[in-house]
Amino acid sequence: MTPYLEQRRAELIRTYRDGLLQDVIPFWLKHGLDRTHGGIHTALGRKGELLDSDKSVWFQGRAAWTFATLYNTVEPRPEWLAAALSCADFLQDRCADLSGKLHFTVTAEGDPLRMRRYVFSECFAAIGYGAVHRATRQAKWKERALAAYETFLRYQREPGRIAPKVSPETRPMKGLAPLMMTLVTAQDLRADLGDVTVLGRTLSQWAREAIDEIARDFVKPDLRAVMEVVGPSGEFLDHFDGRLLNPGHAIEAAWFVLREARRADDAKLKQLGLAMLDYMWERGWDREHGGIRYFADVHGKPIQEYWHSMKFWWPHNEAIIATLLAHLMTGDAKYAEMHRQTHDWAYAHFPDREHGEWYGYLDRQGRPTTELKGGMWKGPFHLPRQKLLCWQMLEGAF
């Protein structure tokens, strides 16, 4: 055991385990579950009060994954399985349009409100269904999981299925996010379903193909950066969008790569994941106030997005996972110090000591800008995943 973990392991386990089981999960079970229509609400105020009954479709799949994964890996508690099934059933029964594509938002009853261009709802549905299959062993959930992932892959790979954000004739470009989603969805499905085949490739092959494209086109050693968008062959785009970095997002991608490296015992993948983490830690860590800034410009130029210096909850969750995993895989004290800095800053600023859970949005100095505990983007996923995976890593179970 490294000196860092000799000193802090017991404390960190208590923080992650007890925060998960005694704070975060009880908060969402008490306040979030819709016991009338099924599924989960995420628009919650500081005390858990419901502020808006419209539902995030992302979170029906994400919450199903969270609760089912707790059931599968921690303890088979009936209330966790019931919550997972409520979200999965609502998602399956109420959240698709006539073509089968999932909406982005629906009403409390499940009537459609908004459809978005991209197909990330399908990825979260896939992992939710996959975790529910592992919990129940019912074949229908495996079939639905693979169908949702197949839908995502078809939309990503078939030209014209997704309307481009920017005119491709004028400025063709591609993003990091779809490759990250290809990778992590394959990894999570593989954990629950085994290394099955989808569209002619195993889940491991889909994961490796996504990593290879990330490494080839998005990781720029000369810039010491991981880009969010590039040209079709990885070209650097010297515009606001092309220069924009999202350090927390790329750090999340880094631990996905590290997880694959550890599974495959692949030294090259390990070095790739560590480089991605190093580059984006340098880009994101706020040396004046602490915490991880939301956006950075690759050349240090002014940034168009006005929230660029804010501190969001989820990049800190992802950095806590990434730095702990990097330290466990290398024993390097550098990553122990990065983990200490991120953990200590996040746990000093985000938790609500009085009413539980975490604030989601802080200013640069670390002060909450809203009392929201949830919304369309924040719910029981990034924070409980961080607590669960770090607890498991420290116990040797991840």
Protein backbone atom coordinates (compact mmCIF):
# COMPACT_ATOMS: atom_id res chain seq x y z
CA MET A 1 0.00 0.00 0.00
CA THR A 2 1.31 3.47 -0.85
CA PRO A 3 2.02 6.02 1.90
CA TYR A 4 -0.98 8.10 0.79
CA LEU A 5 -3.38 5.19 1.12
CA GLU A 6 -1.80 4.02 4.38
CA GLN A 7 -2.68 7.41 5.82
CA ARG A 8 -6.10 8.00 4.26
CA ARG A 9 -7.60 4.71 3.12
CA ALA A 10 -9.92 4.17 6.10
CA GLU A 11 -11.06 7.79 6.09
CA LEU A 12 -11.74 7.78 2.35
CA ILE A 13 -13.68 4.51 2.53
CA ARG A 14 -15.93 5.96 5.23
CA THR A 15 -16.46 9.14 3.23
CA TYR A 16 -17.38 7.31 0.04
CA ARG A 17 -19.31 4.38 1.51
CA ASP A 18 -21.23 6.27 4.16
CA GLY A 19 -21.88 9.25 1.92
CA LEU A 20 -23.34 6.90 -0.67
CA LEU A 21 -25.44 4.69 1.58
CA GLN A 22 -26.44 7.16 4.28
CA ASP A 23 -26.80 10.41 2.33
CA VAL A 24 -26.99 10.40 -1.46
CA ILE A 25 -29.04 7.28 -2.14
CA PRO A 26 -31.54 7.89 0.71
CA PHE A 27 -32.00 11.47 -0.57
CA TRP A 28 -33.03 10.27 -4.02
CA LEU A 29 -35.14 7.37 -2.80
CA LYS A 30 -37.06 9.70 -0.51
CA HIS A 31 -37.47 12.71 -2.76
CA GLY A 32 -36.94 11.64 -6.35
CA LEU A 33 -39.03 8.55 -7.01
CA ASP A 34 -42.41 9.16 -8.64
CA ARG A 35 -44.65 6.72 -6.81
CA THR A 36 -47.67 7.69 -8.91
CA HIS A 37 -46.45 7.43 -12.51
CA GLY A 38 -43.14 5.60 -12.07
CA GLY A 39 -39.65 6.74 -12.89
CA ILE A 40 -37.68 9.48 -11.18
CA HIS A 41 -37.95 13.24 -10.80
CA THR A 42 -34.70 15.19 -10.69
CA ALA A 43 -35.84 18.84 -10.45
CA LEU A 44 -35.38 19.05 -6.69
CA GLY A 45 -34.66 21.97 -4.39
CA ARG A 46 -32.27 22.14 -1.48
CA LYS A 47 -34.45 20.09 0.88
CA GLY A 48 -35.60 17.72 -1.83
CA GLU A 49 -38.80 19.61 -2.63
CA LEU A 50 -40.17 19.03 -6.13
CA LEU A 51 -39.72 22.15 -8.28
CA ASP A 52 -40.86 20.81 -11.65
CA SER A 53 -42.50 17.50 -12.50
CA ASP A 54 -41.08 17.24 -16.04
CA LYS A 55 -38.67 14.33 -16.31
CA SER A 56 -35.20 13.92 -17.77
CA VAL A 57 -35.15 10.82 -19.96
CA TRP A 58 -31.39 10.56 -19.46
CA PHE A 59 -32.04 10.02 -15.79
CA GLN A 60 -34.54 7.24 -16.17
CA GLY A 61 -31.69 5.14 -17.62
CA ARG A 62 -28.97 6.60 -15.40
CA ALA A 63 -30.97 6.07 -12.21
CA ALA A 64 -31.93 2.55 -13.27
CA TRP A 65 -28.21 1.82 -13.69
CA THR A 66 -27.33 3.36 -10.31
CA PHE A 67 -29.94 1.51 -8.28
CA ALA A 68 -29.50 -1.80 -10.11
CA THR A 69 -25.71 -1.59 -9.83
CA LEU A 70 -26.00 -1.06 -6.08
CA TYR A 71 -28.27 -4.12 -5.96
CA ASN A 72 -25.81 -6.12 -8.06
CA THR A 73 -22.55 -5.13 -6.40
CA VAL A 74 -23.26 -3.93 -2.85
CA GLU A 75 -26.31 -5.71 -1.44
CA PRO A 76 -29.55 -7.08 -2.97
CA ARG A 77 -31.85 -4.64 -1.19
CA PRO A 78 -35.44 -4.87 -2.47
CA GLU A 79 -35.92 -1.08 -2.42
CA TRP A 80 -32.96 -0.62 -4.78
CA LEU A 81 -34.30 -3.14 -7.27
CA ALA A 82 -37.79 -1.65 -7.06
CA ALA A 83 -36.40 1.81 -7.82
CA ALA A 84 -34.37 0.47 -10.76
CA LEU A 85 -37.41 -1.34 -12.19
CA SER A 86 -39.60 1.74 -11.79
CA CYS A 87 -37.16 3.82 -13.84
CA ALA A 88 -36.57 1.11 -16.46
CA ASP A 89 -40.27 0.40 -16.90
CA PHE A 90 -41.11 4.10 -17.24
CA LEU A 91 -38.31 4.52 -19.76
CA GLN A 92 -39.41 1.54 -21.83
CA ASP A 93 -43.14 2.27 -21.70
CA ARG A 94 -43.30 6.06 -21.93
CA CYS A 95 -40.16 7.69 -23.34
CA ALA A 96 -39.86 6.64 -27.01
CA ASP A 97 -41.42 8.26 -30.06
CA LEU A 98 -43.05 6.30 -32.88
CA SER A 99 -39.67 5.64 -34.53
CA GLY A 100 -38.32 4.14 -31.33
CA LYS A 101 -35.88 7.02 -30.67
CA LEU A 102 -35.98 8.23 -27.08
CA HIS A 103 -37.00 11.72 -26.08
CA PHE A 104 -34.88 14.07 -23.97
CA THR A 105 -37.68 15.30 -21.71
CA VAL A 106 -41.22 14.12 -20.97
CA THR A 107 -43.98 15.12 -18.57
CA ALA A 108 -44.53 13.38 -15.25
CA GLU A 109 -46.92 11.03 -17.03
CA GLY A 110 -44.49 10.39 -19.86
CA ASP A 111 -45.97 12.59 -22.60
CA PRO A 112 -43.32 13.93 -25.00
CA LEU A 113 -41.84 17.38 -24.53
CA ARG A 114 -38.48 17.55 -26.30
CA MET A 115 -36.44 15.46 -28.72
CA ARG A 116 -32.76 16.30 -29.18
CA ARG A 117 -30.45 15.69 -32.13
CA TYR A 118 -28.17 13.27 -30.39
CA VAL A 119 -28.88 9.78 -29.08
CA PHE A 120 -27.34 9.73 -25.63
CA SER A 121 -30.69 8.84 -24.03
CA GLU A 122 -30.25 5.49 -25.76
CA CYS A 123 -26.84 4.94 -24.14
CA PHE A 124 -28.21 5.56 -20.67
CA ALA A 125 -31.19 3.34 -21.42
CA ALA A 126 -28.80 0.61 -22.55
CA ILE A 127 -26.77 0.61 -19.33
CA GLY A 128 -29.89 0.86 -17.20
CA TYR A 129 -31.50 -2.09 -18.94
CA GLY A 130 -28.25 -4.05 -18.78
CA ALA A 131 -27.91 -3.58 -15.03
CA VAL A 132 -31.56 -4.53 -14.53
CA HIS A 133 -30.99 -7.68 -16.57
CA ARG A 134 -28.10 -8.65 -14.31
CA ALA A 135 -30.35 -8.09 -11.29
CA THR A 136 -33.40 -9.95 -12.60
CA ARG A 137 -31.98 -12.33 -15.24
CA GLN A 138 -35.03 -11.56 -17.37
CA ALA A 139 -34.14 -11.90 -21.05
CA LYS A 140 -36.28 -8.92 -22.11
CA TRP A 141 -33.91 -6.49 -20.37
CA LYS A 142 -30.87 -7.87 -22.17
CA GLU A 143 -32.70 -7.59 -25.49
CA ARG A 144 -33.68 -4.00 -24.73
CA ALA A 145 -30.16 -3.10 -23.63
CA LEU A 146 -28.60 -4.37 -26.83
CA ALA A 147 -31.32 -2.81 -28.98
CA ALA A 148 -30.74 0.60 -27.36
CA TYR A 149 -26.98 0.40 -27.92
CA GLU A 150 -27.52 -0.72 -31.48
CA THR A 151 -29.79 2.27 -32.07
CA PHE A 152 -27.10 4.60 -30.73
CA LEU A 153 -24.42 3.02 -32.93
CA ARG A 154 -26.57 3.20 -36.06
CA TYR A 155 -27.33 6.87 -35.53
CA GLN A 156 -23.65 7.62 -34.96
CA ARG A 157 -22.35 5.65 -37.92
CA GLU A 158 -24.96 6.12 -40.64
CA PRO A 159 -24.57 9.44 -42.51
CA GLY A 160 -27.53 11.77 -42.26
CA ARG A 161 -29.13 10.14 -39.23
CA ILE A 162 -28.15 13.04 -36.93
CA ALA A 163 -28.60 16.62 -38.12
CA PRO A 164 -25.23 18.41 -37.91
CA LYS A 165 -24.84 21.23 -35.41
CA VAL A 166 -22.76 23.28 -37.87
CA SER A 167 -22.99 23.19 -41.67
CA PRO A 168 -20.76 20.27 -42.72
CA GLU A 169 -20.22 21.83 -46.12
CA THR A 170 -18.72 24.92 -44.52
CA ARG A 171 -16.97 23.43 -41.50
CA PRO A 172 -17.03 19.64 -41.12
CA MET A 173 -16.18 18.49 -37.64
CA LYS A 174 -16.72 15.69 -35.14
CA GLY A 175 -16.91 15.53 -31.35
CA LEU A 176 -15.29 13.62 -28.52
CA ALA A 177 -18.59 12.92 -26.74
CA PRO A 178 -19.99 10.24 -29.09
CA LEU A 179 -16.73 8.27 -28.87
CA MET A 180 -16.74 8.50 -25.09
CA MET A 181 -20.31 7.26 -25.03
CA THR A 182 -19.46 4.40 -27.40
CA LEU A 183 -16.62 3.41 -25.06
CA VAL A 184 -18.26 3.65 -21.65
CA THR A 185 -21.56 2.14 -22.77
CA ALA A 186 -19.67 -0.85 -24.16
CA GLN A 187 -17.76 -1.17 -20.88
CA ASP A 188 -20.84 -0.99 -18.68
CA LEU A 189 -22.81 -3.39 -20.87
CA ARG A 190 -19.91 -5.83 -20.88
CA ALA A 191 -19.84 -5.78 -17.07
CA ASP A 192 -23.51 -6.78 -16.92
CA LEU A 193 -24.07 -8.86 -20.08
CA GLY A 194 -20.65 -10.27 -20.91
CA ASP A 195 -18.66 -9.52 -24.06
CA VAL A 196 -21.58 -9.97 -26.43
CA THR A 197 -21.72 -8.96 -30.09
CA VAL A 198 -23.58 -5.91 -31.41
CA LEU A 199 -23.66 -5.09 -35.12
CA GLY A 200 -20.91 -7.57 -35.85
CA ARG A 201 -18.42 -6.45 -33.18
CA THR A 202 -17.96 -7.51 -29.59
CA LEU A 203 -18.36 -4.88 -26.90
CA SER A 204 -14.59 -5.00 -26.35
CA GLN A 205 -14.04 -4.29 -30.03
CA TRP A 206 -16.40 -1.30 -29.93
CA ALA A 207 -14.53 -0.01 -26.87
CA ARG A 208 -11.12 -0.38 -28.50
CA GLU A 209 -12.25 1.18 -31.77
CA ALA A 210 -13.49 4.26 -29.88
CA ILE A 211 -10.22 4.54 -27.94
CA ASP A 212 -8.17 4.27 -31.12
CA GLU A 213 -10.08 7.16 -32.71
CA ILE A 214 -9.78 9.28 -29.57
CA ALA A 215 -6.02 8.65 -29.48
CA ARG A 216 -5.54 9.32 -33.18
CA ASP A 217 -7.67 12.43 -33.63
CA PHE A 218 -8.42 14.10 -30.27
CA VAL A 219 -5.31 13.67 -28.10
CA LYS A 220 -2.77 16.32 -29.11
CA PRO A 221 0.63 15.79 -27.43
CA ASP A 222 2.04 18.89 -29.12
CA LEU A 223 -0.66 20.99 -27.45
CA ARG A 224 -0.81 18.87 -24.29
CA ALA A 225 -4.56 18.77 -24.68
CA VAL A 226 -7.54 16.56 -25.42
CA MET A 227 -9.80 18.39 -27.85
CA GLU A 228 -13.59 18.42 -27.69
CA VAL A 229 -14.12 18.90 -31.43
CA VAL A 230 -11.81 18.44 -34.42
CA GLY A 231 -12.05 18.17 -38.17
CA PRO A 232 -13.03 14.83 -39.76
CA SER A 233 -9.43 13.57 -39.72
CA GLY A 234 -8.43 15.20 -36.46
CA GLU A 235 -7.62 18.64 -37.85
CA PHE A 236 -7.30 21.46 -35.32
CA LEU A 237 -10.04 24.08 -35.80
CA ASP A 238 -8.91 27.56 -34.80
CA HIS A 239 -12.34 28.90 -33.80
CA PHE A 240 -14.18 29.27 -30.49
CA ASP A 241 -15.55 25.72 -30.73
CA GLY A 242 -12.31 24.20 -31.92
CA ARG A 243 -10.17 25.82 -29.22
CA LEU A 244 -12.60 25.05 -26.39
CA LEU A 245 -11.46 22.47 -23.85
CA ASN A 246 -13.65 20.82 -21.20
CA PRO A 247 -11.11 19.47 -18.70
CA GLY A 248 -13.58 17.46 -16.62
CA HIS A 249 -15.03 15.81 -19.70
CA ALA A 250 -11.62 14.74 -20.99
CA ILE A 251 -10.59 13.57 -17.51
CA GLU A 252 -13.70 11.39 -17.51
CA ALA A 253 -12.56 9.95 -20.85
CA ALA A 254 -9.12 9.36 -19.33
CA TRP A 255 -10.44 7.03 -16.64
CA PHE A 256 -12.53 5.15 -19.19
CA VAL A 257 -9.26 4.51 -21.07
CA LEU A 258 -7.46 3.57 -17.85
CA ARG A 259 -10.22 1.12 -16.96
CA GLU A 260 -9.82 -0.55 -20.34
CA ALA A 261 -6.03 -0.59 -19.95
CA ARG A 262 -6.27 -2.32 -16.60
CA ARG A 263 -8.71 -4.92 -17.90
CA ALA A 264 -6.54 -5.67 -20.94
CA ASP A 265 -3.22 -5.26 -19.08
CA ASP A 266 -2.21 -2.94 -21.91
CA ALA A 267 0.75 -0.66 -21.16
CA LYS A 268 0.14 1.50 -24.23
CA LEU A 269 -3.46 2.20 -23.24
CA LYS A 270 -2.31 2.94 -19.72
CA GLN A 271 0.15 5.57 -20.94
CA LEU A 272 -2.57 7.09 -23.13
CA GLY A 273 -5.00 7.40 -20.22
CA LEU A 274 -2.32 8.87 -17.95
CA ALA A 275 -1.31 11.40 -20.60
CA MET A 276 -4.94 12.47 -21.07
CA LEU A 277 -5.28 12.94 -17.31
CA ASP A 278 -2.01 14.88 -17.06
CA TYR A 279 -2.83 17.21 -19.94
CA MET A 280 -6.30 18.10 -18.73
CA TRP A 281 -5.41 18.41 -15.07
CA GLU A 282 -2.89 21.04 -16.13
CA ARG A 283 -5.58 22.76 -18.19
CA GLY A 284 -8.36 22.58 -15.63
CA TRP A 285 -7.03 22.92 -12.10
CA ASP A 286 -7.56 26.44 -10.73
CA ARG A 287 -4.26 27.28 -9.05
CA GLU A 288 -5.68 30.43 -7.47
CA HIS A 289 -8.95 29.20 -5.94
CA GLY A 290 -8.76 25.42 -6.26
CA GLY A 291 -11.22 23.18 -8.03
CA ILE A 292 -11.61 22.38 -11.71
CA ARG A 293 -12.76 25.13 -14.05
CA TYR A 294 -15.46 24.17 -16.50
CA PHE A 295 -13.86 25.41 -19.72
CA ALA A 296 -10.43 26.48 -20.95
CA ASP A 297 -9.10 27.77 -24.28
CA VAL A 298 -6.27 25.71 -25.72
CA HIS A 299 -4.30 28.89 -26.49
CA GLY A 300 -5.33 30.78 -23.35
CA LYS A 301 -7.60 33.16 -25.27
CA PRO A 302 -10.88 34.54 -23.89
CA ILE A 303 -13.72 32.02 -23.85
CA GLN A 304 -17.15 32.61 -25.33
CA GLU A 305 -19.13 30.69 -22.67
CA TYR A 306 -19.76 32.95 -19.68
CA TRP A 307 -19.79 30.04 -17.16
CA HIS A 308 -16.25 28.97 -18.09
CA SER A 309 -14.77 29.66 -14.65
CA MET A 310 -17.55 28.00 -12.64
CA LYS A 311 -17.06 24.76 -10.74
CA PHE A 312 -19.62 22.04 -11.58
CA TRP A 313 -20.10 18.94 -9.44
CA TRP A 314 -19.56 16.29 -12.11
CA PRO A 315 -16.02 17.20 -13.32
CA HIS A 316 -14.90 16.86 -9.70
CA ASN A 317 -16.58 13.46 -9.42
CA GLU A 318 -14.79 12.31 -12.57
CA ALA A 319 -11.42 13.71 -11.47
CA ILE A 320 -11.70 12.00 -8.07
CA ILE A 321 -12.23 8.67 -9.86
CA ALA A 322 -9.50 9.29 -12.44
CA THR A 323 -6.79 10.39 -10.01
CA LEU A 324 -7.46 7.57 -7.55
CA LEU A 325 -7.44 4.99 -10.35
CA ALA A 326 -4.21 6.46 -11.76
CA HIS A 327 -2.57 6.30 -8.33
CA LEU A 328 -3.66 2.71 -7.76
CA MET A 329 -2.39 1.68 -11.20
CA THR A 330 0.98 3.43 -10.90
CA GLY A 331 1.75 4.03 -7.23
CA ASP A 332 2.91 7.48 -8.36
CA ALA A 333 2.76 10.09 -5.60
CA LYS A 334 1.87 12.71 -8.21
CA TYR A 335 -1.55 11.14 -8.69
CA ALA A 336 -2.01 10.76 -4.94
CA GLU A 337 -1.50 14.51 -4.60
CA MET A 338 -3.89 15.22 -7.47
CA HIS A 339 -6.49 13.01 -5.80
CA ARG A 340 -5.96 14.71 -2.44
CA GLN A 341 -6.38 18.16 -3.96
CA THR A 342 -9.52 17.28 -5.91
CA HIS A 343 -11.14 15.25 -3.14
CA ASP A 344 -10.42 17.78 -0.42
CA TRP A 345 -11.62 20.78 -2.45
CA ALA A 346 -14.76 19.06 -3.67
CA TYR A 347 -15.75 17.64 -0.29
CA ALA A 348 -15.13 21.03 1.36
CA HIS A 349 -17.37 22.95 -1.06
CA PHE A 350 -20.09 20.85 -2.72
CA PRO A 351 -21.80 18.90 0.12
CA ASP A 352 -24.81 20.44 1.86
CA ARG A 353 -24.09 19.63 5.51
CA GLU A 354 -27.61 20.53 6.62
CA HIS A 355 -29.93 18.95 4.06
CA GLY A 356 -27.74 16.36 2.37
CA GLU A 357 -26.55 15.61 -1.18
CA TRP A 358 -24.37 18.08 -3.12
CA TYR A 359 -24.90 21.47 -4.64
CA GLY A 360 -24.29 21.23 -8.37
CA TYR A 361 -23.03 24.65 -9.37
CA LEU A 362 -20.47 26.83 -7.63
CA ASP A 363 -18.79 30.09 -8.62
CA ARG A 364 -15.06 30.23 -9.11
CA GLN A 365 -14.45 30.81 -5.40
CA GLY A 366 -16.55 27.76 -4.48
CA ARG A 367 -19.82 29.40 -3.40
CA PRO A 368 -23.16 27.84 -4.48
CA THR A 369 -24.88 29.79 -7.24
CA THR A 370 -28.17 27.90 -6.83
CA GLU A 371 -29.77 25.68 -4.19
CA LEU A 372 -30.86 23.12 -6.80
CA LYS A 373 -29.99 19.53 -5.91
CA GLY A 374 -31.10 18.24 -9.29
CA GLY A 375 -32.36 19.17 -12.74
CA MET A 376 -32.26 17.87 -16.29
CA TRP A 377 -28.50 17.25 -15.96
CA LYS A 378 -27.98 16.49 -12.27
CA GLY A 379 -29.45 13.45 -10.55
CA PRO A 380 -28.32 10.14 -9.04
CA PHE A 381 -25.47 9.28 -11.38
CA HIS A 382 -22.10 11.09 -11.35
CA LEU A 383 -21.95 11.54 -7.57
CA PRO A 384 -23.14 8.05 -6.54
CA ARG A 385 -20.98 6.49 -9.27
CA GLN A 386 -17.94 8.32 -7.91
CA LYS A 387 -18.63 7.24 -4.35
CA LEU A 388 -19.34 3.65 -5.34
CA LEU A 389 -16.35 3.18 -7.65
CA CYS A 390 -13.88 4.85 -5.30
CA TRP A 391 -15.15 2.79 -2.38
CA GLN A 392 -14.79 -0.35 -4.51
CA MET A 393 -11.31 0.63 -5.67
CA LEU A 394 -10.15 1.15 -2.09
CA GLU A 395 -11.65 -2.22 -1.09
CA GLY A 396 -10.04 -3.94 -4.10
CA ALA A 397 -13.41 -4.75 -5.65
CA PHE A 398 -13.29 -2.59 -8.80
